[in-house]
Amino acid sequence: MLSDPERHILAPGGAIFFARLGEQVIGTCALLQESPGVFELTKMGVDETFRGLGAGRRLLDACIAEFHRRKGHTLFLESNSRLTTALRMYEKAGFVMQPGVRPGSHYERADVYMVYQRGA
């Protein structure tokens, strides 16, 4: 996916966001359209050197805003339970933990499945 983001993320109707500090890109996140109205929040990452500055939350907020702008009905993410700081951020943004892993998950290390609930 990352080797050809134009084909795998943008062409199917997704979006890619970047966090910058000055001219330096310090983080990224993608909104991947799985089917009409169904989006996955994916490829979230902030350079370790710049964590704690709020870039991750700004990226997350940008993805959620784009999801709403596109009038999506389902937004989900998959993650790993060891990423406790990220999971807390997702929960604060309105993502709710689901029981078990996502059926048909294509992520080997994912053991967390969360779905966005507006106003949660």
PDB file of N, CA and C in Angstrom:
ATOM      1  N   MET A   1       0.818  -1.188   0.000  1.00  0.00           N
ATOM      2  CA  MET A   1       0.000   0.000   0.000  1.00  0.00           C
ATOM      3  C   MET A   1       0.871   1.265   0.000  1.00  0.00           C
ATOM      4  N   LEU A   2       1.891   1.270   0.837  1.00  0.00           N
ATOM      5  CA  LEU A   2       2.741   2.449   0.927  1.00  0.00           C
ATOM      6  C   LEU A   2       3.677   2.603  -0.264  1.00  0.00           C
ATOM      7  N   SER A   3       3.920   1.511  -0.980  1.00  0.00           N
ATOM      8  CA  SER A   3       4.797   1.607  -2.143  1.00  0.00           C
ATOM      9  C   SER A   3       4.103   2.293  -3.321  1.00  0.00           C
ATOM     10  N   ASP A   4       2.767   2.304  -3.327  1.00  0.00           N
ATOM     11  CA  ASP A   4       2.019   2.965  -4.398  1.00  0.00           C
ATOM     12  C   ASP A   4       0.725   3.540  -3.818  1.00  0.00           C
ATOM     13  N   PRO A   5       0.838   4.579  -2.988  1.00  0.00           N
ATOM     14  CA  PRO A   5      -0.350   5.128  -2.332  1.00  0.00           C
ATOM     15  C   PRO A   5      -1.368   5.727  -3.297  1.00  0.00           C
ATOM     16  N   GLU A   6      -0.910   6.204  -4.433  1.00  0.00           N
ATOM     17  CA  GLU A   6      -1.848   6.756  -5.395  1.00  0.00           C
ATOM     18  C   GLU A   6      -2.820   5.683  -5.889  1.00  0.00           C
ATOM     19  N   ARG A   7      -2.292   4.516  -6.155  1.00  0.00           N
ATOM     20  CA  ARG A   7      -3.136   3.418  -6.644  1.00  0.00           C
ATOM     21  C   ARG A   7      -3.957   2.791  -5.527  1.00  0.00           C
ATOM     22  N   HIS A   8      -3.347   2.599  -4.357  1.00  0.00           N
ATOM     23  CA  HIS A   8      -4.015   1.856  -3.291  1.00  0.00           C
ATOM     24  C   HIS A   8      -4.890   2.717  -2.377  1.00  0.00           C
ATOM     25  N   ILE A   9      -4.597   3.998  -2.262  1.00  0.00           N
ATOM     26  CA  ILE A   9      -5.362   4.855  -1.348  1.00  0.00           C
ATOM     27  C   ILE A   9      -6.164   5.916  -2.100  1.00  0.00           C
ATOM     28  N   LEU A  10      -5.500   6.686  -2.953  1.00  0.00           N
ATOM     29  CA  LEU A  10      -6.172   7.802  -3.608  1.00  0.00           C
ATOM     30  C   LEU A  10      -7.131   7.375  -4.717  1.00  0.00           C
ATOM     31  N   ALA A  11      -6.716   6.501  -5.603  1.00  0.00           N
ATOM     32  CA  ALA A  11      -7.561   6.097  -6.732  1.00  0.00           C
ATOM     33  C   ALA A  11      -8.900   5.493  -6.285  1.00  0.00           C
ATOM     34  N   PRO A  12      -8.934   4.670  -5.224  1.00  0.00           N
ATOM     35  CA  PRO A  12     -10.222   4.130  -4.779  1.00  0.00           C
ATOM     36  C   PRO A  12     -11.084   5.125  -3.993  1.00  0.00           C
ATOM     37  N   GLY A  13     -10.633   6.392  -3.892  1.00  0.00           N
ATOM     38  CA  GLY A  13     -11.454   7.401  -3.234  1.00  0.00           C
ATOM     39  C   GLY A  13     -10.993   7.790  -1.847  1.00  0.00           C
ATOM     40  N   GLY A  14      -9.768   7.473  -1.487  1.00  0.00           N
ATOM     41  CA  GLY A  14      -9.250   7.807  -0.166  1.00  0.00           C
ATOM     42  C   GLY A  14      -8.531   9.142  -0.145  1.00  0.00           C
ATOM     43  N   ALA A  15      -7.911   9.416   0.984  1.00  0.00           N
ATOM     44  CA  ALA A  15      -7.186  10.674   1.172  1.00  0.00           C
ATOM     45  C   ALA A  15      -5.973  10.410   2.055  1.00  0.00           C
ATOM     46  N   ILE A  16      -4.948  11.214   1.877  1.00  0.00           N
ATOM     47  CA  ILE A  16      -3.737  11.110   2.685  1.00  0.00           C
ATOM     48  C   ILE A  16      -3.476  12.473   3.311  1.00  0.00           C
ATOM     49  N   PHE A  17      -3.171  12.462   4.606  1.00  0.00           N
ATOM     50  CA  PHE A  17      -2.909  13.698   5.337  1.00  0.00           C
ATOM     51  C   PHE A  17      -1.489  13.675   5.880  1.00  0.00           C
ATOM     52  N   PHE A  18      -0.895  14.852   5.948  1.00  0.00           N
ATOM     53  CA  PHE A  18       0.456  14.983   6.482  1.00  0.00           C
ATOM     54  C   PHE A  18       0.460  16.054   7.567  1.00  0.00           C
ATOM     55  N   ALA A  19       1.220  15.813   8.620  1.00  0.00           N
ATOM     56  CA  ALA A  19       1.466  16.820   9.649  1.00  0.00           C
ATOM     57  C   ALA A  19       2.854  17.368   9.388  1.00  0.00           C
ATOM     58  N   ARG A  20       2.959  18.684   9.379  1.00  0.00           N
ATOM     59  CA  ARG A  20       4.248  19.322   9.143  1.00  0.00           C
ATOM     60  C   ARG A  20       4.596  20.226  10.309  1.00  0.00           C
ATOM     61  N   LEU A  21       5.858  20.302  10.563  1.00  0.00           N
ATOM     62  CA  LEU A  21       6.404  21.268  11.502  1.00  0.00           C
ATOM     63  C   LEU A  21       7.404  22.065  10.684  1.00  0.00           C
ATOM     64  N   GLY A  22       7.020  23.276  10.334  1.00  0.00           N
ATOM     65  CA  GLY A  22       7.818  24.032   9.382  1.00  0.00           C
ATOM     66  C   GLY A  22       7.737  23.340   8.039  1.00  0.00           C
ATOM     67  N   GLU A  23       8.875  23.040   7.469  1.00  0.00           N
ATOM     68  CA  GLU A  23       8.918  22.343   6.179  1.00  0.00           C
ATOM     69  C   GLU A  23       9.065  20.831   6.323  1.00  0.00           C
ATOM     70  N   GLN A  24       9.191  20.353   7.559  1.00  0.00           N
ATOM     71  CA  GLN A  24       9.431  18.934   7.798  1.00  0.00           C
ATOM     72  C   GLN A  24       8.128  18.179   8.035  1.00  0.00           C
ATOM     73  N   VAL A  25       7.934  17.083   7.305  1.00  0.00           N
ATOM     74  CA  VAL A  25       6.785  16.205   7.537  1.00  0.00           C
ATOM     75  C   VAL A  25       7.102  15.355   8.760  1.00  0.00           C
ATOM     76  N   ILE A  26       6.227  15.428   9.765  1.00  0.00           N
ATOM     77  CA  ILE A  26       6.474  14.700  11.008  1.00  0.00           C
ATOM     78  C   ILE A  26       5.459  13.589  11.258  1.00  0.00           C
ATOM     79  N   GLY A  27       4.417  13.523  10.414  1.00  0.00           N
ATOM     80  CA  GLY A  27       3.426  12.479  10.600  1.00  0.00           C
ATOM     81  C   GLY A  27       2.523  12.348   9.405  1.00  0.00           C
ATOM     82  N   THR A  28       1.806  11.232   9.368  1.00  0.00           N
ATOM     83  CA  THR A  28       0.879  10.989   8.266  1.00  0.00           C
ATOM     84  C   THR A  28      -0.246  10.079   8.724  1.00  0.00           C
ATOM     85  N   CYS A  29      -1.314  10.110   7.958  1.00  0.00           N
ATOM     86  CA  CYS A  29      -2.470   9.263   8.214  1.00  0.00           C
ATOM     87  C   CYS A  29      -3.261   9.168   6.913  1.00  0.00           C
ATOM     88  N   ALA A  30      -3.938   8.053   6.698  1.00  0.00           N
ATOM     89  CA  ALA A  30      -4.727   7.889   5.483  1.00  0.00           C
ATOM     90  C   ALA A  30      -6.159   7.502   5.822  1.00  0.00           C
ATOM     91  N   LEU A  31      -7.037   7.929   4.950  1.00  0.00           N
ATOM     92  CA  LEU A  31      -8.442   7.550   5.002  1.00  0.00           C
ATOM     93  C   LEU A  31      -8.663   6.704   3.760  1.00  0.00           C
ATOM     94  N   LEU A  32      -8.866   5.424   3.961  1.00  0.00           N
ATOM     95  CA  LEU A  32      -8.993   4.466   2.863  1.00  0.00           C
ATOM     96  C   LEU A  32     -10.465   4.121   2.672  1.00  0.00           C
ATOM     97  N   GLN A  33     -10.972   4.346   1.454  1.00  0.00           N
ATOM     98  CA  GLN A  33     -12.368   3.992   1.184  1.00  0.00           C
ATOM     99  C   GLN A  33     -12.443   2.508   0.851  1.00  0.00           C
ATOM    100  N   GLU A  34     -13.154   1.781   1.692  1.00  0.00           N
ATOM    101  CA  GLU A  34     -13.312   0.341   1.477  1.00  0.00           C
ATOM    102  C   GLU A  34     -14.466   0.053   0.531  1.00  0.00           C
ATOM    103  N   SER A  35     -15.545   0.790   0.678  1.00  0.00           N
ATOM    104  CA  SER A  35     -16.723   0.696  -0.183  1.00  0.00           C
ATOM    105  C   SER A  35     -17.487   2.006   0.001  1.00  0.00           C
ATOM    106  N   PRO A  36     -18.521   2.262  -0.798  1.00  0.00           N
ATOM    107  CA  PRO A  36     -19.224   3.547  -0.657  1.00  0.00           C
ATOM    108  C   PRO A  36     -19.690   3.785   0.789  1.00  0.00           C
ATOM    109  N   GLY A  37     -19.208   4.878   1.378  1.00  0.00           N
ATOM    110  CA  GLY A  37     -19.589   5.245   2.735  1.00  0.00           C
ATOM    111  C   GLY A  37     -18.827   4.564   3.849  1.00  0.00           C
ATOM    112  N   VAL A  38     -17.966   3.606   3.503  1.00  0.00           N
ATOM    113  CA  VAL A  38     -17.196   2.848   4.509  1.00  0.00           C
ATOM    114  C   VAL A  38     -15.721   3.195   4.340  1.00  0.00           C
ATOM    115  N   PHE A  39     -15.133   3.706   5.427  1.00  0.00           N
ATOM    116  CA  PHE A  39     -13.752   4.159   5.384  1.00  0.00           C
ATOM    117  C   PHE A  39     -12.951   3.549   6.531  1.00  0.00           C
ATOM    118  N   GLU A  40     -11.679   3.311   6.247  1.00  0.00           N
ATOM    119  CA  GLU A  40     -10.733   2.847   7.262  1.00  0.00           C
ATOM    120  C   GLU A  40      -9.729   3.951   7.538  1.00  0.00           C
ATOM    121  N   LEU A  41      -9.509   4.232   8.807  1.00  0.00           N
ATOM    122  CA  LEU A  41      -8.436   5.110   9.227  1.00  0.00           C
ATOM    123  C   LEU A  41      -7.192   4.232   9.289  1.00  0.00           C
ATOM    124  N   THR A  42      -6.176   4.558   8.512  1.00  0.00           N
ATOM    125  CA  THR A  42      -5.027   3.653   8.410  1.00  0.00           C
ATOM    126  C   THR A  42      -3.721   4.422   8.256  1.00  0.00           C
ATOM    127  N   LYS A  43      -2.645   3.728   8.475  1.00  0.00           N
ATOM    128  CA  LYS A  43      -1.283   4.246   8.278  1.00  0.00           C
ATOM    129  C   LYS A  43      -0.999   5.497   9.100  1.00  0.00           C
ATOM    130  N   MET A  44      -1.544   5.534  10.316  1.00  0.00           N
ATOM    131  CA  MET A  44      -1.289   6.654  11.227  1.00  0.00           C
ATOM    132  C   MET A  44       0.102   6.498  11.806  1.00  0.00           C
ATOM    133  N   GLY A  45       0.868   7.570  11.754  1.00  0.00           N
ATOM    134  CA  GLY A  45       2.196   7.530  12.339  1.00  0.00           C
ATOM    135  C   GLY A  45       2.764   8.926  12.519  1.00  0.00           C
ATOM    136  N   VAL A  46       3.444   9.127  13.643  1.00  0.00           N
ATOM    137  CA  VAL A  46       4.133  10.383  13.923  1.00  0.00           C
ATOM    138  C   VAL A  46       5.566  10.031  14.300  1.00  0.00           C
ATOM    139  N   ASP A  47       6.510  10.739  13.717  1.00  0.00           N
ATOM    140  CA  ASP A  47       7.931  10.534  14.014  1.00  0.00           C
ATOM    141  C   ASP A  47       8.137  10.588  15.531  1.00  0.00           C
ATOM    142  N   GLU A  48       8.851   9.605  16.063  1.00  0.00           N
ATOM    143  CA  GLU A  48       9.086   9.512  17.516  1.00  0.00           C
ATOM    144  C   GLU A  48       9.618  10.807  18.108  1.00  0.00           C
ATOM    145  N   THR A  49      10.470  11.493  17.381  1.00  0.00           N
ATOM    146  CA  THR A  49      11.083  12.733  17.848  1.00  0.00           C
ATOM    147  C   THR A  49      10.044  13.815  18.131  1.00  0.00           C
ATOM    148  N   PHE A  50       8.892  13.747  17.461  1.00  0.00           N
ATOM    149  CA  PHE A  50       7.902  14.817  17.548  1.00  0.00           C
ATOM    150  C   PHE A  50       6.601  14.387  18.236  1.00  0.00           C
ATOM    151  N   ARG A  51       6.587  13.235  18.840  1.00  0.00           N
ATOM    152  CA  ARG A  51       5.386  12.790  19.549  1.00  0.00           C
ATOM    153  C   ARG A  51       5.164  13.663  20.777  1.00  0.00           C
ATOM    154  N   GLY A  52       3.907  13.840  21.123  1.00  0.00           N
ATOM    155  CA  GLY A  52       3.551  14.656  22.275  1.00  0.00           C
ATOM    156  C   GLY A  52       3.256  16.105  21.932  1.00  0.00           C
ATOM    157  N   LEU A  53       3.363  16.464  20.664  1.00  0.00           N
ATOM    158  CA  LEU A  53       3.099  17.841  20.238  1.00  0.00           C
ATOM    159  C   LEU A  53       1.677  18.033  19.720  1.00  0.00           C
ATOM    160  N   GLY A  54       0.907  16.956  19.658  1.00  0.00           N
ATOM    161  CA  GLY A  54      -0.474  17.047  19.180  1.00  0.00           C
ATOM    162  C   GLY A  54      -0.660  16.749  17.708  1.00  0.00           C
ATOM    163  N   ALA A  55       0.399  16.365  17.015  1.00  0.00           N
ATOM    164  CA  ALA A  55       0.289  16.094  15.575  1.00  0.00           C
ATOM    165  C   ALA A  55      -0.632  14.910  15.293  1.00  0.00           C
ATOM    166  N   GLY A  56      -0.539  13.859  16.110  1.00  0.00           N
ATOM    167  CA  GLY A  56      -1.387  12.687  15.916  1.00  0.00           C
ATOM    168  C   GLY A  56      -2.858  13.032  16.028  1.00  0.00           C
ATOM    169  N   ARG A  57      -3.201  13.830  17.030  1.00  0.00           N
ATOM    170  CA  ARG A  57      -4.609  14.216  17.212  1.00  0.00           C
ATOM    171  C   ARG A  57      -5.075  15.103  16.064  1.00  0.00           C
ATOM    172  N   ARG A  58      -4.225  15.981  15.582  1.00  0.00           N
ATOM    173  CA  ARG A  58      -4.614  16.828  14.451  1.00  0.00           C
ATOM    174  C   ARG A  58      -4.837  15.996  13.191  1.00  0.00           C
ATOM    175  N   LEU A  59      -3.981  15.005  12.980  1.00  0.00           N
ATOM    176  CA  LEU A  59      -4.176  14.100  11.842  1.00  0.00           C
ATOM    177  C   LEU A  59      -5.482  13.330  11.981  1.00  0.00           C
ATOM    178  N   LEU A  60      -5.730  12.819  13.167  1.00  0.00           N
ATOM    179  CA  LEU A  60      -6.953  12.075  13.431  1.00  0.00           C
ATOM    180  C   LEU A  60      -8.175  12.958  13.189  1.00  0.00           C
ATOM    181  N   ASP A  61      -8.147  14.172  13.711  1.00  0.00           N
ATOM    182  CA  ASP A  61      -9.262  15.101  13.516  1.00  0.00           C
ATOM    183  C   ASP A  61      -9.484  15.415  12.039  1.00  0.00           C
ATOM    184  N   ALA A  62      -8.397  15.545  11.276  1.00  0.00           N
ATOM    185  CA  ALA A  62      -8.511  15.824   9.840  1.00  0.00           C
ATOM    186  C   ALA A  62      -9.182  14.655   9.116  1.00  0.00           C
ATOM    187  N   CYS A  63      -8.816  13.433   9.482  1.00  0.00           N
ATOM    188  CA  CYS A  63      -9.426  12.248   8.861  1.00  0.00           C
ATOM    189  C   CYS A  63     -10.909  12.158   9.200  1.00  0.00           C
ATOM    190  N   ILE A  64     -11.250  12.421  10.456  1.00  0.00           N
ATOM    191  CA  ILE A  64     -12.659  12.371  10.870  1.00  0.00           C
ATOM    192  C   ILE A  64     -13.457  13.463  10.149  1.00  0.00           C
ATOM    193  N   ALA A  65     -12.894  14.651  10.036  1.00  0.00           N
ATOM    194  CA  ALA A  65     -13.576  15.742   9.331  1.00  0.00           C
ATOM    195  C   ALA A  65     -13.812  15.382   7.856  1.00  0.00           C
ATOM    196  N   GLU A  66     -12.816  14.757   7.233  1.00  0.00           N
ATOM    197  CA  GLU A  66     -12.966  14.349   5.831  1.00  0.00           C
ATOM    198  C   GLU A  66     -14.016  13.247   5.696  1.00  0.00           C
ATOM    199  N   PHE A  67     -14.037  12.329   6.648  1.00  0.00           N
ATOM    200  CA  PHE A  67     -15.070  11.280   6.685  1.00  0.00           C
ATOM    201  C   PHE A  67     -16.458  11.928   6.716  1.00  0.00           C
ATOM    202  N   HIS A  68     -16.653  12.918   7.575  1.00  0.00           N
ATOM    203  CA  HIS A  68     -17.946  13.616   7.660  1.00  0.00           C
ATOM    204  C   HIS A  68     -18.235  14.388   6.372  1.00  0.00           C
ATOM    205  N   ARG A  69     -17.210  15.060   5.835  1.00  0.00           N
ATOM    206  CA  ARG A  69     -17.400  15.825   4.600  1.00  0.00           C
ATOM    207  C   ARG A  69     -17.881  14.931   3.460  1.00  0.00           C
ATOM    208  N   ARG A  70     -17.388  13.714   3.464  1.00  0.00           N
ATOM    209  CA  ARG A  70     -17.785  12.761   2.415  1.00  0.00           C
ATOM    210  C   ARG A  70     -19.073  12.029   2.754  1.00  0.00           C
ATOM    211  N   LYS A  71     -19.662  12.384   3.882  1.00  0.00           N
ATOM    212  CA  LYS A  71     -20.919  11.783   4.338  1.00  0.00           C
ATOM    213  C   LYS A  71     -20.821  10.269   4.493  1.00  0.00           C
ATOM    214  N   GLY A  72     -19.686   9.834   5.045  1.00  0.00           N
ATOM    215  CA  GLY A  72     -19.503   8.407   5.307  1.00  0.00           C
ATOM    216  C   GLY A  72     -20.421   7.932   6.428  1.00  0.00           C
ATOM    217  N   HIS A  73     -20.713   6.649   6.418  1.00  0.00           N
ATOM    218  CA  HIS A  73     -21.560   6.097   7.481  1.00  0.00           C
ATOM    219  C   HIS A  73     -20.795   5.169   8.419  1.00  0.00           C
ATOM    220  N   THR A  74     -19.643   4.665   8.007  1.00  0.00           N
ATOM    221  CA  THR A  74     -18.848   3.792   8.866  1.00  0.00           C
ATOM    222  C   THR A  74     -17.374   4.170   8.736  1.00  0.00           C
ATOM    223  N   LEU A  75     -16.743   4.377   9.899  1.00  0.00           N
ATOM    224  CA  LEU A  75     -15.309   4.649   9.963  1.00  0.00           C
ATOM    225  C   LEU A  75     -14.728   3.716  11.009  1.00  0.00           C
ATOM    226  N   PHE A  76     -13.729   2.945  10.617  1.00  0.00           N
ATOM    227  CA  PHE A  76     -13.137   1.985  11.542  1.00  0.00           C
ATOM    228  C   PHE A  76     -11.617   2.050  11.463  1.00  0.00           C
ATOM    229  N   LEU A  77     -11.000   1.416  12.426  1.00  0.00           N
ATOM    230  CA  LEU A  77      -9.543   1.272  12.407  1.00  0.00           C
ATOM    231  C   LEU A  77      -9.182  -0.052  13.060  1.00  0.00           C
ATOM    232  N   GLU A  78      -7.997  -0.511  12.724  1.00  0.00           N
ATOM    233  CA  GLU A  78      -7.422  -1.690  13.354  1.00  0.00           C
ATOM    234  C   GLU A  78      -6.074  -1.276  13.906  1.00  0.00           C
ATOM    235  N   SER A  79      -5.744  -1.813  15.066  1.00  0.00           N
ATOM    236  CA  SER A  79      -4.500  -1.442  15.710  1.00  0.00           C
ATOM    237  C   SER A  79      -3.979  -2.608  16.534  1.00  0.00           C
ATOM    238  N   ASN A  80      -3.040  -2.298  17.403  1.00  0.00           N
ATOM    239  CA  ASN A  80      -2.451  -3.313  18.272  1.00  0.00           C
ATOM    240  C   ASN A  80      -2.596  -2.863  19.720  1.00  0.00           C
ATOM    241  N   SER A  81      -2.919  -3.769  20.584  1.00  0.00           N
ATOM    242  CA  SER A  81      -3.177  -3.449  21.988  1.00  0.00           C
ATOM    243  C   SER A  81      -1.959  -2.873  22.708  1.00  0.00           C
ATOM    244  N   ARG A  82      -0.779  -3.069  22.166  1.00  0.00           N
ATOM    245  CA  ARG A  82       0.423  -2.499  22.799  1.00  0.00           C
ATOM    246  C   ARG A  82       0.535  -0.992  22.590  1.00  0.00           C
ATOM    247  N   LEU A  83      -0.201  -0.439  21.654  1.00  0.00           N
ATOM    248  CA  LEU A  83      -0.129   0.984  21.342  1.00  0.00           C
ATOM    249  C   LEU A  83      -1.128   1.754  22.212  1.00  0.00           C
ATOM    250  N   THR A  84      -0.911   1.704  23.517  1.00  0.00           N
ATOM    251  CA  THR A  84      -1.882   2.241  24.476  1.00  0.00           C
ATOM    252  C   THR A  84      -2.116   3.739  24.328  1.00  0.00           C
ATOM    253  N   THR A  85      -1.096   4.509  24.038  1.00  0.00           N
ATOM    254  CA  THR A  85      -1.277   5.955  23.874  1.00  0.00           C
ATOM    255  C   THR A  85      -2.174   6.242  22.679  1.00  0.00           C
ATOM    256  N   ALA A  86      -1.928   5.562  21.577  1.00  0.00           N
ATOM    257  CA  ALA A  86      -2.757   5.745  20.380  1.00  0.00           C
ATOM    258  C   ALA A  86      -4.196   5.302  20.647  1.00  0.00           C
ATOM    259  N   LEU A  87      -4.377   4.191  21.335  1.00  0.00           N
ATOM    260  CA  LEU A  87      -5.728   3.696  21.611  1.00  0.00           C
ATOM    261  C   LEU A  87      -6.507   4.686  22.468  1.00  0.00           C
ATOM    262  N   ARG A  88      -5.857   5.292  23.449  1.00  0.00           N
ATOM    263  CA  ARG A  88      -6.530   6.313  24.266  1.00  0.00           C
ATOM    264  C   ARG A  88      -6.937   7.506  23.409  1.00  0.00           C
ATOM    265  N   MET A  89      -6.066   7.907  22.492  1.00  0.00           N
ATOM    266  CA  MET A  89      -6.378   9.020  21.600  1.00  0.00           C
ATOM    267  C   MET A  89      -7.596   8.680  20.735  1.00  0.00           C
ATOM    268  N   TYR A  90      -7.635   7.473  20.194  1.00  0.00           N
ATOM    269  CA  TYR A  90      -8.767   7.050  19.369  1.00  0.00           C
ATOM    270  C   TYR A  90     -10.061   7.059  20.183  1.00  0.00           C
ATOM    271  N   GLU A  91     -10.002   6.554  21.405  1.00  0.00           N
ATOM    272  CA  GLU A  91     -11.196   6.537  22.263  1.00  0.00           C
ATOM    273  C   GLU A  91     -11.682   7.952  22.550  1.00  0.00           C
ATOM    274  N   LYS A  92     -10.772   8.861  22.845  1.00  0.00           N
ATOM    275  CA  LYS A  92     -11.151  10.254  23.121  1.00  0.00           C
ATOM    276  C   LYS A  92     -11.792  10.906  21.896  1.00  0.00           C
ATOM    277  N   ALA A  93     -11.420  10.452  20.710  1.00  0.00           N
ATOM    278  CA  ALA A  93     -11.957  11.006  19.467  1.00  0.00           C
ATOM    279  C   ALA A  93     -13.302  10.395  19.086  1.00  0.00           C
ATOM    280  N   GLY A  94     -13.740   9.355  19.818  1.00  0.00           N
ATOM    281  CA  GLY A  94     -15.042   8.767  19.537  1.00  0.00           C
ATOM    282  C   GLY A  94     -15.025   7.358  18.987  1.00  0.00           C
ATOM    283  N   PHE A  95     -13.862   6.726  18.935  1.00  0.00           N
ATOM    284  CA  PHE A  95     -13.794   5.336  18.486  1.00  0.00           C
ATOM    285  C   PHE A  95     -14.109   4.418  19.666  1.00  0.00           C
ATOM    286  N   VAL A  96     -14.866   3.376  19.376  1.00  0.00           N
ATOM    287  CA  VAL A  96     -15.296   2.439  20.414  1.00  0.00           C
ATOM    288  C   VAL A  96     -14.720   1.059  20.107  1.00  0.00           C
ATOM    289  N   MET A  97     -14.120   0.462  21.125  1.00  0.00           N
ATOM    290  CA  MET A  97     -13.528  -0.868  21.011  1.00  0.00           C
ATOM    291  C   MET A  97     -14.617  -1.889  20.682  1.00  0.00           C
ATOM    292  N   GLN A  98     -14.305  -2.770  19.748  1.00  0.00           N
ATOM    293  CA  GLN A  98     -15.222  -3.837  19.358  1.00  0.00           C
ATOM    294  C   GLN A  98     -14.689  -5.157  19.903  1.00  0.00           C
ATOM    295  N   PRO A  99     -15.589  -6.109  20.141  1.00  0.00           N
ATOM    296  CA  PRO A  99     -15.107  -7.409  20.635  1.00  0.00           C
ATOM    297  C   PRO A  99     -14.361  -8.160  19.529  1.00  0.00           C
ATOM    298  N   GLY A 100     -13.177  -8.612  19.825  1.00  0.00           N
ATOM    299  CA  GLY A 100     -12.396  -9.400  18.872  1.00  0.00           C
ATOM    300  C   GLY A 100     -11.807  -8.575  17.751  1.00  0.00           C
ATOM    301  N   VAL A 101     -11.162  -9.267  16.840  1.00  0.00           N
ATOM    302  CA  VAL A 101     -10.558  -8.614  15.674  1.00  0.00           C
ATOM    303  C   VAL A 101     -11.605  -8.473  14.580  1.00  0.00           C
ATOM    304  N   ARG A 102     -11.316  -7.615  13.640  1.00  0.00           N
ATOM    305  CA  ARG A 102     -12.252  -7.391  12.536  1.00  0.00           C
ATOM    306  C   ARG A 102     -12.283  -8.623  11.635  1.00  0.00           C
ATOM    307  N   PRO A 103     -13.472  -9.103  11.339  1.00  0.00           N
ATOM    308  CA  PRO A 103     -13.569 -10.241  10.417  1.00  0.00           C
ATOM    309  C   PRO A 103     -12.911  -9.889   9.080  1.00  0.00           C
ATOM    310  N   GLY A 104     -12.065 -10.770   8.596  1.00  0.00           N
ATOM    311  CA  GLY A 104     -11.388 -10.553   7.325  1.00  0.00           C
ATOM    312  C   GLY A 104     -10.224  -9.583   7.391  1.00  0.00           C
ATOM    313  N   SER A 105      -9.744  -9.288   8.584  1.00  0.00           N
ATOM    314  CA  SER A 105      -8.630  -8.353   8.733  1.00  0.00           C
ATOM    315  C   SER A 105      -7.436  -8.800   7.908  1.00  0.00           C
ATOM    316  N   HIS A 106      -6.778  -7.824   7.277  1.00  0.00           N
ATOM    317  CA  HIS A 106      -5.585  -8.151   6.491  1.00  0.00           C
ATOM    318  C   HIS A 106      -4.309  -7.671   7.185  1.00  0.00           C
ATOM    319  N   TYR A 107      -4.431  -7.331   8.470  1.00  0.00           N
ATOM    320  CA  TYR A 107      -3.269  -6.902   9.240  1.00  0.00           C
ATOM    321  C   TYR A 107      -2.851  -8.017  10.190  1.00  0.00           C
ATOM    322  N   GLU A 108      -1.651  -8.477  10.017  1.00  0.00           N
ATOM    323  CA  GLU A 108      -1.123  -9.592  10.803  1.00  0.00           C
ATOM    324  C   GLU A 108      -1.045  -9.291  12.299  1.00  0.00           C
ATOM    325  N   ARG A 109      -0.643  -8.069  12.654  1.00  0.00           N
ATOM    326  CA  ARG A 109      -0.433  -7.730  14.066  1.00  0.00           C
ATOM    327  C   ARG A 109      -1.635  -7.072  14.731  1.00  0.00           C
ATOM    328  N   ALA A 110      -2.714  -6.859  13.988  1.00  0.00           N
ATOM    329  CA  ALA A 110      -3.885  -6.188  14.558  1.00  0.00           C
ATOM    330  C   ALA A 110      -4.635  -7.118  15.501  1.00  0.00           C
ATOM    331  N   ASP A 111      -4.807  -6.643  16.729  1.00  0.00           N
ATOM    332  CA  ASP A 111      -5.628  -7.378  17.690  1.00  0.00           C
ATOM    333  C   ASP A 111      -6.673  -6.451  18.317  1.00  0.00           C
ATOM    334  N   VAL A 112      -6.817  -5.254  17.728  1.00  0.00           N
ATOM    335  CA  VAL A 112      -7.794  -4.270  18.184  1.00  0.00           C
ATOM    336  C   VAL A 112      -8.598  -3.806  16.972  1.00  0.00           C
ATOM    337  N   TYR A 113      -9.915  -3.741  17.163  1.00  0.00           N
ATOM    338  CA  TYR A 113     -10.834  -3.279  16.125  1.00  0.00           C
ATOM    339  C   TYR A 113     -11.719  -2.224  16.780  1.00  0.00           C
ATOM    340  N   MET A 114     -11.731  -1.012  16.210  1.00  0.00           N
ATOM    341  CA  MET A 114     -12.503   0.083  16.776  1.00  0.00           C
ATOM    342  C   MET A 114     -13.361   0.718  15.675  1.00  0.00           C
ATOM    343  N   VAL A 115     -14.550   1.159  16.066  1.00  0.00           N
ATOM    344  CA  VAL A 115     -15.472   1.806  15.136  1.00  0.00           C
ATOM    345  C   VAL A 115     -15.818   3.186  15.688  1.00  0.00           C
ATOM    346  N   TYR A 116     -15.785   4.178  14.825  1.00  0.00           N
ATOM    347  CA  TYR A 116     -16.117   5.550  15.201  1.00  0.00           C
ATOM    348  C   TYR A 116     -17.611   5.685  15.425  1.00  0.00           C
ATOM    349  N   GLN A 117     -17.974   6.301  16.537  1.00  0.00           N
ATOM    350  CA  GLN A 117     -19.368   6.587  16.831  1.00  0.00           C
ATOM    351  C   GLN A 117     -19.493   8.067  17.126  1.00  0.00           C
ATOM    352  N   ARG A 118     -20.106   8.761  16.217  1.00  0.00           N
ATOM    353  CA  ARG A 118     -20.300  10.203  16.346  1.00  0.00           C
ATOM    354  C   ARG A 118     -20.896  10.530  17.692  1.00  0.00           C
ATOM    355  N   GLY A 119     -20.261  11.455  18.396  1.00  0.00           N
ATOM    356  CA  GLY A 119     -20.774  11.889  19.683  1.00  0.00           C
ATOM    357  C   GLY A 119     -20.449  10.953  20.826  1.00  0.00           C
ATOM    358  N   ALA A 120     -19.654   9.921  20.580  1.00  0.00           N
ATOM    359  CA  ALA A 120     -19.313   8.963  21.659  1.00  0.00           C
ATOM    360  C   ALA A 120     -18.337   9.575  22.631  1.00  0.00           C
TER     361      ALA A 120
END
